[in-house]
Amino acid sequence: MEKPILSDTALFYLAEARKWARFIAIVMFVMIGFMILAGFMMGALMDTLTSFSDQPKMPFSGGFFMVFYIIMAAVYFFPVFYLYRFSDFLGKALDTGSEAELTSAFEFLKKHYKFIGILTIVMLAFMVLAILFSVLAGAFGLMAGSGMV
């Protein structure tokens, strides 16, 4: 099997893709930082507001929201890290012409898309379960309201 040879146009497109991947990764790292900060702020704000209110306590504490935001940031960190490493190795490969660096770059791109793909499957499964739960809850609510249960 012959190895593919990259044309100057293909190298130009890879260099452009590297710049955009790096930009997106850096912006997303900043957004992850904001998400963690928002988690801490949300936790403190929710606890403070409920302590001064005469209303009944909320079902979830501020600590729950804080942990939720931090977990979401941790989950999102990995695909962003893989995208950043892709851009890093691709830049080295384009500068040096190293096939090993190019292989590492595409390995991280594969990891990025694999993670996003698995995350998409998990989210779709949660959506299907939420729809089923909602339909069942609605059906039981209807039955309870009509005196069938």
Foldseek 3Di string as FASTA:
>chain_A
DDDDDDDPVNLVVLLVLLVVLQVVLVVLVVVLVVLLVVLVVQQVVQQVVQVPDPDDRDPDHSNVSNVVSNVVSVLVNQLSVLSNLLSVLSVVCSVPVDPVSNVSSVVSVVVNVVSVVVVVVVVVVVVVVVVVVVVVVVVVVVCVVVVND
